[in-house]
Protein backbone atom coordinates (compact mmCIF):
# COMPACT_ATOMS: atom_id res chain seq x y z
CA MET A 1 241.01 -42.86 170.98
CA LEU A 2 240.42 -41.58 174.50
CA THR A 3 243.04 -41.46 177.25
CA ASP A 4 242.23 -41.33 180.95
CA THR A 5 245.35 -39.71 182.39
CA HIS A 6 244.42 -40.19 186.06
CA ALA A 7 242.63 -43.22 187.50
CA HIS A 8 242.64 -45.22 190.72
CA LEU A 9 241.46 -48.55 189.36
CA ASN A 10 243.30 -50.35 192.16
CA SER A 11 240.88 -48.78 194.66
CA GLU A 12 238.86 -51.16 196.81
CA ASN A 13 235.78 -49.59 195.20
CA PHE A 14 236.54 -51.80 192.18
CA ASP A 15 237.35 -55.03 194.00
CA GLU A 16 234.14 -56.76 192.92
CA ASP A 17 234.14 -55.84 189.21
CA ARG A 18 237.54 -54.39 188.26
CA ASP A 19 237.95 -56.40 185.05
CA GLN A 20 234.44 -55.47 183.92
CA VAL A 21 235.11 -51.77 184.63
CA ILE A 22 238.25 -51.92 182.50
CA ALA A 23 236.39 -53.77 179.74
CA ARG A 24 233.69 -51.05 179.74
CA ALA A 25 236.37 -48.40 179.32
CA VAL A 26 237.65 -50.18 176.21
CA GLU A 27 234.10 -50.47 174.87
CA HIS A 28 233.71 -46.70 175.24
CA GLY A 29 236.82 -45.95 173.21
CA VAL A 30 239.43 -45.63 175.96
CA THR A 31 242.74 -46.81 174.51
CA ARG A 32 245.09 -45.77 177.34
CA ILE A 33 244.75 -45.40 181.12
CA VAL A 34 247.30 -43.96 183.52
CA ASN A 35 246.72 -45.47 186.94
CA VAL A 36 248.08 -43.73 190.03
CA GLY A 37 250.09 -45.27 192.86
CA PHE A 38 250.67 -42.92 195.78
CA ASN A 39 251.85 -44.91 198.85
CA ARG A 40 253.09 -48.31 200.02
CA GLU A 41 249.69 -49.95 199.48
CA THR A 42 248.62 -48.45 196.16
CA ILE A 43 251.89 -48.49 194.22
CA PRO A 44 252.30 -52.31 194.04
CA ALA A 45 248.62 -52.69 193.10
CA SER A 46 248.95 -50.05 190.39
CA LEU A 47 252.04 -51.70 188.94
CA ALA A 48 250.26 -55.06 188.94
CA LEU A 49 247.47 -53.59 186.84
CA ALA A 50 249.97 -52.04 184.43
CA GLU A 51 251.70 -55.40 184.07
CA LYS A 52 248.41 -57.19 183.43
CA TYR A 53 247.02 -54.77 180.82
CA ASP A 54 249.12 -53.53 177.92
CA PHE A 55 247.19 -50.23 177.70
CA ILE A 56 247.41 -49.37 181.42
CA TYR A 57 250.41 -47.42 182.72
CA SER A 58 251.37 -46.43 186.25
CA THR A 59 252.70 -43.50 188.20
CA VAL A 60 254.63 -43.87 191.45
CA GLY A 61 254.81 -41.23 194.15
CA TRP A 62 253.82 -40.22 197.66
CA HIS A 63 250.55 -38.39 198.27
CA PRO A 64 250.67 -35.26 200.49
CA GLN A 65 248.04 -36.70 202.81
CA ASP A 66 250.49 -39.52 203.59
CA ALA A 67 253.53 -37.23 203.86
CA LYS A 68 253.87 -37.61 207.63
CA ASP A 69 254.27 -41.37 207.22
CA MET A 70 256.99 -41.26 204.56
CA LYS A 71 260.35 -42.75 205.51
CA PRO A 72 263.71 -42.24 203.74
CA ASP A 73 263.59 -45.78 202.35
CA ASP A 74 260.19 -45.02 200.79
CA LEU A 75 261.81 -42.41 198.57
CA GLU A 76 264.58 -44.86 197.67
CA TRP A 77 261.94 -47.47 196.83
CA ILE A 78 260.09 -45.05 194.55
CA GLU A 79 263.34 -44.14 192.79
CA ALA A 80 264.12 -47.81 192.18
CA LEU A 81 260.67 -48.32 190.64
CA CYS A 82 261.22 -45.50 188.15
CA SER A 83 263.12 -47.91 185.91
CA HIS A 84 260.00 -50.09 185.50
CA GLU A 85 258.97 -50.03 181.83
CA LYS A 86 255.35 -49.13 182.66
CA VAL A 87 256.14 -46.26 185.07
CA VAL A 88 255.53 -42.99 183.22
CA ALA A 89 255.55 -40.28 185.91
CA ILE A 90 256.17 -39.40 189.55
CA GLY A 91 252.86 -38.75 191.27
CA GLU A 92 250.58 -37.93 192.54
CA ILE A 93 252.59 -35.48 194.62
CA GLY A 94 251.92 -31.98 195.92
CA LEU A 95 250.13 -30.23 198.75
CA ASP A 96 246.73 -30.73 200.37
CA TYR A 97 245.63 -28.07 202.87
CA TYR A 98 241.99 -29.15 202.90
CA TRP A 99 242.25 -32.23 205.10
CA ASP A 100 245.11 -31.43 207.42
CA LYS A 101 246.98 -28.14 207.64
CA SER A 102 249.10 -29.16 210.63
CA PHE A 103 251.74 -30.89 208.52
CA LYS A 104 252.48 -28.16 206.00
CA GLU A 105 256.24 -28.30 206.54
CA THR A 106 256.31 -32.07 206.18
CA GLN A 107 254.18 -31.96 203.05
CA GLU A 108 256.48 -29.35 201.54
CA GLN A 109 259.60 -31.35 202.33
CA VAL A 110 258.20 -34.52 200.77
CA PHE A 111 256.99 -32.56 197.74
CA ARG A 112 260.42 -30.99 197.19
CA GLU A 113 262.21 -34.33 197.57
CA GLN A 114 260.02 -35.91 194.90
CA ILE A 115 260.49 -33.04 192.45
CA ARG A 116 264.24 -33.47 192.87
CA LEU A 117 263.80 -37.21 192.33
CA ALA A 118 261.85 -36.57 189.13
CA ARG A 119 264.63 -34.34 187.85
CA ARG A 120 267.21 -37.03 188.64
CA VAL A 121 265.36 -39.75 186.76
CA GLY A 122 263.92 -37.53 184.03
CA LEU A 123 260.23 -38.25 184.56
CA PRO A 124 257.33 -35.74 184.53
CA ILE A 125 255.35 -35.15 187.73
CA VAL A 126 251.63 -35.35 188.48
CA ILE A 127 250.52 -32.60 190.85
CA HIS A 128 247.84 -32.89 193.54
CA ASN A 129 246.81 -29.41 194.62
CA ARG A 130 244.05 -28.73 197.10
CA ASP A 131 243.71 -25.24 198.56
CA ALA A 132 247.45 -24.65 198.06
CA HIS A 133 247.76 -22.80 194.74
CA ALA A 134 250.32 -20.17 195.77
CA ASP A 135 252.60 -22.63 197.58
CA ILE A 136 252.42 -25.16 194.74
CA VAL A 137 253.50 -22.57 192.18
CA ARG A 138 256.25 -21.24 194.45
CA ILE A 139 257.75 -24.66 195.12
CA LEU A 140 257.55 -25.74 191.48
CA ARG A 141 259.44 -22.59 190.55
CA GLU A 142 262.02 -22.89 193.35
CA GLU A 143 262.70 -26.56 192.54
CA GLN A 144 263.00 -25.91 188.78
CA ALA A 145 260.21 -28.36 188.02
CA SER A 146 259.98 -26.91 184.51
CA GLU A 147 262.90 -29.19 183.62
CA VAL A 148 260.56 -32.19 183.66
CA GLY A 149 257.10 -30.58 183.45
CA GLY A 150 254.06 -32.70 184.08
CA ILE A 151 250.34 -32.57 184.80
CA MET A 152 248.25 -30.31 186.99
CA HIS A 153 245.79 -33.04 187.92
CA CYS A 154 242.08 -32.20 188.06
CA PHE A 155 242.86 -28.50 187.89
CA SER A 156 240.68 -26.30 190.09
CA GLY A 157 242.60 -23.03 190.16
CA SER A 158 242.21 -19.72 188.39
CA TRP A 159 243.38 -18.85 184.89
CA GLU A 160 246.15 -16.77 186.47
CA THR A 161 247.43 -19.88 188.28
CA ALA A 162 247.03 -21.98 185.12
CA LYS A 163 249.15 -19.49 183.16
CA LEU A 164 251.95 -19.75 185.71
CA CYS A 165 251.84 -23.55 185.43
CA LEU A 166 251.79 -23.45 181.64
CA ASP A 167 254.87 -21.21 181.74
CA MET A 168 256.61 -23.92 183.78
CA ASN A 169 256.04 -26.60 181.15
CA PHE A 170 252.93 -28.17 182.67
CA HIS A 171 249.82 -29.58 181.05
CA ILE A 172 246.42 -28.81 182.55
CA SER A 173 244.09 -31.75 183.12
CA PHE A 174 240.34 -31.62 183.68
CA GLY A 175 237.90 -34.20 185.01
CA GLY A 176 234.26 -34.61 185.97
CA PRO A 177 233.78 -31.11 187.44
CA ILE A 178 233.75 -29.51 183.97
CA THR A 179 230.45 -31.32 183.39
CA PHE A 180 228.82 -29.75 186.46
CA LYS A 181 226.40 -26.88 185.81
CA ASN A 182 227.85 -24.76 188.63
CA ALA A 183 231.53 -25.29 187.76
CA LYS A 184 232.09 -21.85 186.27
CA GLN A 185 235.83 -21.43 186.91
CA PRO A 186 237.07 -24.81 185.56
CA LYS A 187 235.06 -24.26 182.38
CA GLU A 188 236.45 -20.76 181.91
CA VAL A 189 240.01 -22.02 182.41
CA LEU A 190 239.54 -24.94 180.01
CA GLU A 191 238.34 -22.56 177.31
CA LYS A 192 241.65 -20.67 177.57
CA VAL A 193 244.11 -23.56 177.89
CA PRO A 194 245.98 -24.15 174.60
CA LEU A 195 244.93 -27.36 172.91
CA ASP A 196 248.48 -28.71 172.93
CA ARG A 197 248.56 -28.54 176.75
CA LEU A 198 245.11 -29.98 177.44
CA LEU A 199 244.49 -33.37 179.08
CA ILE A 200 241.40 -35.16 180.40
CA GLU A 201 240.93 -37.64 183.23
CA THR A 202 238.41 -39.25 185.55
CA ASP A 203 240.18 -39.53 188.94
CA CYS A 204 237.92 -42.57 189.33
CA PRO A 205 236.35 -43.72 191.59
CA TYR A 206 236.05 -40.05 192.63
CA LEU A 207 234.49 -36.98 190.95
CA ALA A 208 232.08 -38.75 188.64
CA PRO A 209 230.81 -36.50 185.84
CA HIS A 210 227.19 -35.57 185.23
CA PRO A 211 224.83 -37.47 185.13
CA TYR A 212 226.66 -39.82 187.52
CA ARG A 213 227.67 -37.16 190.02
CA GLY A 214 227.83 -38.59 193.54
CA LYS A 215 228.17 -42.16 192.28
CA ARG A 216 231.25 -44.27 191.63
CA ASN A 217 233.30 -42.92 188.76
CA GLU A 218 235.04 -45.17 186.22
CA SER A 219 237.39 -44.75 183.26
CA ALA A 220 234.62 -45.19 180.68
CA TYR A 221 233.20 -41.86 181.84
CA VAL A 222 236.22 -39.99 180.49
CA ARG A 223 234.13 -39.88 177.32
CA LEU A 224 231.67 -37.57 179.12
CA VAL A 225 234.57 -35.32 180.14
CA ALA A 226 235.76 -35.29 176.52
CA GLU A 227 232.26 -34.36 175.31
CA SER A 228 232.13 -31.37 177.66
CA ALA A 229 235.67 -30.31 176.72
CA ALA A 230 234.79 -30.52 173.03
CA GLN A 231 231.68 -28.41 173.56
CA LEU A 232 233.62 -25.77 175.52
CA LYS A 233 236.34 -25.66 172.86
CA GLY A 234 233.84 -25.63 170.01
CA ILE A 235 235.33 -28.65 168.26
CA ALA A 236 234.29 -32.24 167.57
CA LEU A 237 234.51 -35.00 170.18
CA GLU A 238 236.81 -36.98 167.88
CA GLU A 239 239.17 -34.02 167.65
CA ILE A 240 239.37 -33.46 171.41
CA ALA A 241 239.97 -37.21 171.90
CA GLU A 242 242.79 -37.23 169.36
CA ILE A 243 244.39 -34.04 170.70
CA THR A 244 244.34 -35.06 174.36
CA THR A 245 245.59 -38.55 173.56
CA THR A 246 248.42 -37.15 171.43
CA ASN A 247 249.35 -34.81 174.28
CA ALA A 248 249.42 -37.71 176.77
CA ILE A 249 251.51 -39.88 174.46
CA ARG A 250 254.04 -37.10 173.94
CA LEU A 251 254.30 -36.06 177.61
CA LEU A 252 254.27 -39.52 179.22
CA LYS A 253 255.94 -41.40 176.35
CA LEU A 254 253.06 -43.87 176.07
CA LYS A 255 252.90 -46.47 173.33
């Protein structure tokens, strides 16, 4: 009863064996996958997957790394797609200061516009945050994102940042890094996150968990994330699977 709340199965990394990758996920107990569309190319592909597989859902949004390319009609397009029966969230959206810091203002504008969109349509948001903790929290607060809540995807911040996000109605999601021996902070944060706000993910094909670190990630490996989360929480794998799946169903209104 595992749920991968963040996957990129439409990535070209899966072009040669996508159906087999999805079949392996099912074999490993994955009953739901949330696939992420984040620009003009990935959103249609993500929706196509959600339409093909009953247990795959999609998000729609505009990634901060693509913020400078976003046009007004892109936002209108995303809003129109929010009525699709398999669209469960706006995302991934946010700020990324790692790759390109020269477009901070543009990233912030696009981020704010999508939070406002989420509030209009009543969907939760999926947050991408890289090296931008303070600004993410500030904008979420200023834009009253707590009205819709959402997911702090592949959380890498401190417990202090996590607490601020929890106070704004967000769930905290963890991926492959919690299986790494040197990932002290994510493990410490996971130990403190309340069980009813905990989610797990793969972010495949990226961030593969141990022992596949550095290789292509896939949704089946969410089981390895669940095993590490269960160990850190001191509970059974079956319990962490049920809890995180229940959380995902409630937040994203999955079947």
